[in-house]
């Protein structure tokens, strides 16, 4: 996690705000948090608020579930195909992360 934070902090003249779940590696005292990064922790046990969890759930529901995979490589191939399919649909990514309550609807 420290390597990840160090890489993000390299953006010149920028401040990053990371929305993270409360996994141990996100909350440990051993994190070396750069000055140009702020962390916002999601409430514990609330995967429905985590856009990453919502994205994976969408991919499982639509492209990855109800399958028998032949090997670990087959799993990776299917996941890569699903990811690339999703990346080609930016409107879908936006809708997965949209929260009506955050926009006053």
N, C-alpha and C. Protein backbone atom coordinates (compact mmCIF):
# COMPACT_ATOMS: atom_id res chain seq x y z
N UNK A 1 0.83 -1.19 0.00
CA UNK A 1 0.00 0.00 0.00
C UNK A 1 0.88 1.25 0.00
N UNK A 2 1.99 1.19 0.73
CA UNK A 2 2.88 2.35 0.75
C UNK A 2 3.44 2.64 -0.64
N UNK A 3 3.78 1.60 -1.39
CA UNK A 3 4.27 1.80 -2.76
C UNK A 3 3.19 2.43 -3.63
N UNK A 4 1.96 1.98 -3.44
CA UNK A 4 0.82 2.54 -4.20
C UNK A 4 0.64 4.03 -3.87
N UNK A 5 0.67 4.36 -2.60
CA UNK A 5 0.54 5.76 -2.19
C UNK A 5 1.69 6.62 -2.73
N UNK A 6 2.89 6.07 -2.68
CA UNK A 6 4.04 6.82 -3.19
C UNK A 6 3.88 7.10 -4.69
N UNK A 7 3.37 6.13 -5.42
CA UNK A 7 3.17 6.32 -6.87
C UNK A 7 2.11 7.40 -7.13
N UNK A 8 1.01 7.34 -6.41
CA UNK A 8 -0.05 8.33 -6.58
C UNK A 8 0.45 9.73 -6.25
N UNK A 9 1.28 9.83 -5.23
CA UNK A 9 1.75 11.15 -4.77
C UNK A 9 2.68 11.83 -5.77
N UNK A 10 3.13 11.13 -6.79
CA UNK A 10 4.05 11.71 -7.77
C UNK A 10 3.38 12.73 -8.68
N UNK A 11 2.06 12.77 -8.72
CA UNK A 11 1.37 13.74 -9.58
C UNK A 11 1.71 15.15 -9.12
N UNK A 12 2.31 15.90 -10.02
CA UNK A 12 2.76 17.26 -9.69
C UNK A 12 1.57 18.19 -9.46
N UNK A 13 1.66 19.00 -8.45
CA UNK A 13 0.64 20.02 -8.16
C UNK A 13 -0.77 19.44 -8.07
N UNK A 14 -0.91 18.27 -7.48
CA UNK A 14 -2.23 17.65 -7.35
C UNK A 14 -2.39 17.09 -5.94
N UNK A 15 -3.63 17.02 -5.52
CA UNK A 15 -3.96 16.40 -4.24
C UNK A 15 -4.97 15.30 -4.53
N UNK A 16 -4.68 14.09 -4.07
CA UNK A 16 -5.56 12.95 -4.31
C UNK A 16 -6.37 12.66 -3.05
N UNK A 17 -7.63 12.33 -3.26
CA UNK A 17 -8.50 11.87 -2.19
C UNK A 17 -8.89 10.44 -2.54
N UNK A 18 -8.49 9.50 -1.68
CA UNK A 18 -8.77 8.09 -1.92
C UNK A 18 -9.93 7.63 -1.06
N UNK A 19 -10.91 7.03 -1.70
CA UNK A 19 -12.05 6.45 -1.01
C UNK A 19 -11.73 4.98 -0.81
N UNK A 20 -11.56 4.55 0.44
CA UNK A 20 -11.10 3.19 0.73
C UNK A 20 -12.02 2.50 1.71
N UNK A 21 -12.08 1.17 1.59
CA UNK A 21 -12.79 0.40 2.61
C UNK A 21 -11.86 0.29 3.83
N UNK A 22 -12.29 -0.41 4.84
CA UNK A 22 -11.50 -0.46 6.07
C UNK A 22 -10.67 -1.73 6.16
N UNK A 23 -10.14 -2.18 5.03
CA UNK A 23 -9.23 -3.32 5.04
C UNK A 23 -8.02 -2.95 5.89
N UNK A 24 -7.43 -3.93 6.52
CA UNK A 24 -6.31 -3.69 7.42
C UNK A 24 -5.17 -2.92 6.79
N UNK A 25 -4.88 -3.18 5.54
CA UNK A 25 -3.77 -2.50 4.87
C UNK A 25 -4.12 -1.05 4.52
N UNK A 26 -5.39 -0.67 4.62
CA UNK A 26 -5.79 0.71 4.40
C UNK A 26 -5.76 1.53 5.69
N UNK A 27 -5.80 0.85 6.82
CA UNK A 27 -5.94 1.55 8.10
C UNK A 27 -4.75 1.37 9.04
N UNK A 28 -3.75 0.63 8.62
CA UNK A 28 -2.62 0.35 9.51
C UNK A 28 -1.82 1.62 9.85
N UNK A 29 -1.26 1.62 11.04
CA UNK A 29 -0.40 2.72 11.47
C UNK A 29 0.92 2.73 10.69
N UNK A 30 1.18 1.67 9.96
CA UNK A 30 2.43 1.57 9.19
C UNK A 30 2.37 2.30 7.85
N UNK A 31 1.22 2.89 7.52
CA UNK A 31 1.11 3.63 6.27
C UNK A 31 1.93 4.92 6.35
N UNK A 32 2.63 5.19 5.28
CA UNK A 32 3.37 6.44 5.16
C UNK A 32 2.55 7.32 4.20
N UNK A 33 1.64 8.09 4.75
CA UNK A 33 0.71 8.88 3.96
C UNK A 33 1.36 10.18 3.50
N UNK A 34 1.58 10.34 2.19
CA UNK A 34 2.15 11.59 1.67
C UNK A 34 1.24 12.78 1.96
N UNK A 35 1.81 13.97 2.01
CA UNK A 35 1.06 15.18 2.32
C UNK A 35 0.01 15.52 1.27
N UNK A 36 0.19 15.06 0.04
CA UNK A 36 -0.77 15.40 -1.01
C UNK A 36 -1.81 14.30 -1.26
N UNK A 37 -2.02 13.46 -0.24
CA UNK A 37 -3.06 12.43 -0.32
C UNK A 37 -3.90 12.46 0.95
N UNK A 38 -5.21 12.43 0.78
CA UNK A 38 -6.14 12.30 1.90
C UNK A 38 -6.90 10.99 1.72
N UNK A 39 -7.17 10.33 2.81
CA UNK A 39 -7.93 9.08 2.77
C UNK A 39 -9.29 9.30 3.43
N UNK A 40 -10.33 8.87 2.74
CA UNK A 40 -11.69 8.87 3.29
C UNK A 40 -12.09 7.41 3.41
N UNK A 41 -12.36 6.96 4.62
CA UNK A 41 -12.72 5.57 4.85
C UNK A 41 -14.23 5.38 4.78
N UNK A 42 -14.64 4.36 4.07
CA UNK A 42 -16.05 4.00 4.02
C UNK A 42 -16.44 3.39 5.36
N UNK A 43 -17.73 3.47 5.73
CA UNK A 43 -18.16 2.80 6.96
C UNK A 43 -17.90 1.30 6.87
N UNK A 44 -17.61 0.70 8.01
CA UNK A 44 -17.36 -0.75 8.04
C UNK A 44 -18.58 -1.53 7.56
N UNK A 45 -18.32 -2.62 6.91
CA UNK A 45 -19.36 -3.55 6.45
C UNK A 45 -20.42 -2.88 5.58
N UNK A 46 -19.96 -2.07 4.62
CA UNK A 46 -20.89 -1.38 3.73
C UNK A 46 -20.43 -1.50 2.27
N UNK A 47 -20.35 -2.72 1.75
CA UNK A 47 -19.86 -2.87 0.38
C UNK A 47 -20.73 -2.17 -0.66
N UNK A 48 -21.99 -1.92 -0.32
CA UNK A 48 -22.88 -1.24 -1.28
C UNK A 48 -22.45 0.19 -1.55
N UNK A 49 -21.62 0.76 -0.68
CA UNK A 49 -21.12 2.13 -0.88
C UNK A 49 -19.81 2.16 -1.65
N UNK A 50 -19.23 1.01 -1.88
CA UNK A 50 -17.92 0.93 -2.51
C UNK A 50 -18.08 0.73 -4.01
N UNK A 51 -17.76 1.75 -4.81
CA UNK A 51 -17.94 1.63 -6.26
C UNK A 51 -17.16 0.47 -6.87
N UNK A 52 -16.03 0.13 -6.28
CA UNK A 52 -15.25 -1.01 -6.79
C UNK A 52 -16.04 -2.30 -6.59
N UNK A 53 -16.62 -2.46 -5.42
CA UNK A 53 -17.44 -3.65 -5.16
C UNK A 53 -18.64 -3.71 -6.11
N UNK A 54 -19.25 -2.55 -6.33
CA UNK A 54 -20.40 -2.49 -7.25
C UNK A 54 -20.00 -2.87 -8.67
N UNK A 55 -18.81 -2.45 -9.08
CA UNK A 55 -18.32 -2.76 -10.42
C UNK A 55 -18.09 -4.25 -10.57
N UNK A 56 -17.41 -4.86 -9.59
CA UNK A 56 -17.18 -6.31 -9.66
C UNK A 56 -18.51 -7.07 -9.63
N UNK A 57 -19.45 -6.62 -8.82
CA UNK A 57 -20.76 -7.29 -8.75
C UNK A 57 -21.45 -7.23 -10.11
N UNK A 58 -21.40 -6.07 -10.77
CA UNK A 58 -22.00 -5.94 -12.09
C UNK A 58 -21.36 -6.91 -13.07
N UNK A 59 -20.03 -6.99 -13.04
CA UNK A 59 -19.32 -7.88 -13.96
C UNK A 59 -19.66 -9.34 -13.68
N UNK A 60 -19.74 -9.71 -12.40
CA UNK A 60 -20.12 -11.09 -12.05
C UNK A 60 -21.54 -11.38 -12.53
N UNK A 61 -22.46 -10.46 -12.26
CA UNK A 61 -23.86 -10.68 -12.62
C UNK A 61 -24.07 -10.80 -14.13
N UNK A 62 -23.27 -10.06 -14.90
CA UNK A 62 -23.53 -9.97 -16.33
C UNK A 62 -22.61 -10.79 -17.23
N UNK A 63 -21.37 -11.01 -16.80
CA UNK A 63 -20.43 -11.65 -17.71
C UNK A 63 -19.63 -12.79 -17.10
N UNK A 64 -19.66 -12.96 -15.79
CA UNK A 64 -18.76 -13.94 -15.19
C UNK A 64 -19.45 -15.03 -14.39
N UNK A 65 -20.74 -14.91 -14.14
CA UNK A 65 -21.40 -15.91 -13.29
C UNK A 65 -21.91 -17.09 -14.11
N UNK A 66 -22.28 -18.14 -13.41
CA UNK A 66 -22.86 -19.35 -14.00
C UNK A 66 -21.97 -19.95 -15.09
N UNK A 67 -20.70 -20.05 -14.78
CA UNK A 67 -19.73 -20.62 -15.72
C UNK A 67 -18.86 -21.64 -15.01
N UNK A 68 -18.35 -22.56 -15.77
CA UNK A 68 -17.33 -23.47 -15.28
C UNK A 68 -16.06 -23.12 -16.04
N UNK A 69 -15.04 -22.75 -15.32
CA UNK A 69 -13.79 -22.36 -15.93
C UNK A 69 -12.86 -23.58 -16.02
N UNK A 70 -12.10 -23.65 -17.10
CA UNK A 70 -11.23 -24.79 -17.35
C UNK A 70 -9.93 -24.73 -16.55
N UNK A 71 -9.50 -23.52 -16.23
CA UNK A 71 -8.21 -23.36 -15.55
C UNK A 71 -8.14 -21.95 -14.96
N UNK A 72 -7.09 -21.70 -14.20
CA UNK A 72 -6.87 -20.36 -13.66
C UNK A 72 -6.66 -19.37 -14.80
N UNK A 73 -5.96 -19.79 -15.84
CA UNK A 73 -5.75 -18.92 -17.00
C UNK A 73 -7.07 -18.58 -17.68
N UNK A 74 -7.99 -19.54 -17.73
CA UNK A 74 -9.31 -19.31 -18.31
C UNK A 74 -10.08 -18.25 -17.51
N UNK A 75 -9.94 -18.30 -16.18
CA UNK A 75 -10.58 -17.30 -15.33
C UNK A 75 -10.02 -15.92 -15.64
N UNK A 76 -8.70 -15.81 -15.72
CA UNK A 76 -8.06 -14.53 -16.00
C UNK A 76 -8.50 -14.02 -17.38
N UNK A 77 -8.56 -14.90 -18.36
CA UNK A 77 -8.98 -14.50 -19.71
C UNK A 77 -10.41 -13.96 -19.69
N UNK A 78 -11.32 -14.65 -18.99
CA UNK A 78 -12.71 -14.19 -18.92
C UNK A 78 -12.81 -12.86 -18.17
N UNK A 79 -12.04 -12.71 -17.10
CA UNK A 79 -12.06 -11.46 -16.34
C UNK A 79 -11.52 -10.31 -17.19
N UNK A 80 -10.46 -10.55 -17.94
CA UNK A 80 -9.90 -9.51 -18.81
C UNK A 80 -10.90 -9.12 -19.89
N UNK A 81 -11.58 -10.12 -20.47
CA UNK A 81 -12.58 -9.83 -21.50
C UNK A 81 -13.72 -8.99 -20.91
N UNK A 82 -14.19 -9.38 -19.72
CA UNK A 82 -15.27 -8.64 -19.07
C UNK A 82 -14.82 -7.21 -18.75
N UNK A 83 -13.60 -7.07 -18.24
CA UNK A 83 -13.08 -5.73 -17.90
C UNK A 83 -13.01 -4.86 -19.14
N UNK A 84 -12.46 -5.40 -20.23
CA UNK A 84 -12.34 -4.62 -21.47
C UNK A 84 -13.71 -4.25 -22.03
N UNK A 85 -14.66 -5.15 -21.89
CA UNK A 85 -16.03 -4.87 -22.33
C UNK A 85 -16.61 -3.70 -21.51
N UNK A 86 -16.36 -3.71 -20.21
CA UNK A 86 -16.86 -2.63 -19.35
C UNK A 86 -16.16 -1.31 -19.66
N UNK A 87 -14.86 -1.34 -19.88
CA UNK A 87 -14.10 -0.12 -20.17
C UNK A 87 -14.62 0.54 -21.45
N UNK A 88 -15.12 -0.25 -22.37
CA UNK A 88 -15.68 0.28 -23.61
C UNK A 88 -17.05 0.92 -23.41
N UNK A 89 -17.57 0.88 -22.18
CA UNK A 89 -18.89 1.44 -21.86
C UNK A 89 -18.78 2.43 -20.70
N UNK A 90 -18.16 3.59 -20.92
CA UNK A 90 -17.96 4.53 -19.81
C UNK A 90 -19.27 4.99 -19.16
N UNK A 91 -20.34 5.07 -19.92
CA UNK A 91 -21.64 5.44 -19.36
C UNK A 91 -22.09 4.40 -18.33
N UNK A 92 -21.76 3.14 -18.57
CA UNK A 92 -22.13 2.08 -17.64
C UNK A 92 -21.34 2.22 -16.34
N UNK A 93 -20.06 2.53 -16.47
CA UNK A 93 -19.22 2.72 -15.28
C UNK A 93 -19.77 3.86 -14.44
N UNK A 94 -20.16 4.96 -15.09
CA UNK A 94 -20.72 6.10 -14.35
C UNK A 94 -22.02 5.71 -13.66
N UNK A 95 -22.87 4.95 -14.33
CA UNK A 95 -24.16 4.59 -13.73
C UNK A 95 -23.98 3.62 -12.56
N UNK A 96 -22.98 2.76 -12.62
CA UNK A 96 -22.74 1.82 -11.51
C UNK A 96 -22.36 2.59 -10.25
N UNK A 97 -21.55 3.65 -10.40
CA UNK A 97 -21.09 4.41 -9.25
C UNK A 97 -22.02 5.52 -8.82
N UNK A 98 -23.07 5.78 -9.57
CA UNK A 98 -23.97 6.89 -9.26
C UNK A 98 -24.81 6.60 -8.01
N UNK A 99 -24.90 7.57 -7.16
CA UNK A 99 -25.73 7.48 -5.95
C UNK A 99 -26.74 8.61 -6.00
N UNK A 100 -28.02 8.28 -6.13
CA UNK A 100 -29.05 9.31 -6.21
C UNK A 100 -28.99 10.26 -5.02
N UNK A 101 -28.76 9.73 -3.81
CA UNK A 101 -28.74 10.55 -2.62
C UNK A 101 -27.59 11.55 -2.63
N UNK A 102 -26.52 11.24 -3.36
CA UNK A 102 -25.39 12.15 -3.41
C UNK A 102 -25.63 13.32 -4.35
N UNK A 103 -26.64 13.20 -5.21
CA UNK A 103 -26.94 14.24 -6.17
C UNK A 103 -28.27 14.94 -5.90
N UNK A 104 -28.87 14.64 -4.75
CA UNK A 104 -30.10 15.31 -4.36
C UNK A 104 -31.34 14.89 -5.13
N UNK A 105 -31.31 13.69 -5.75
CA UNK A 105 -32.48 13.23 -6.51
C UNK A 105 -33.53 12.67 -5.58
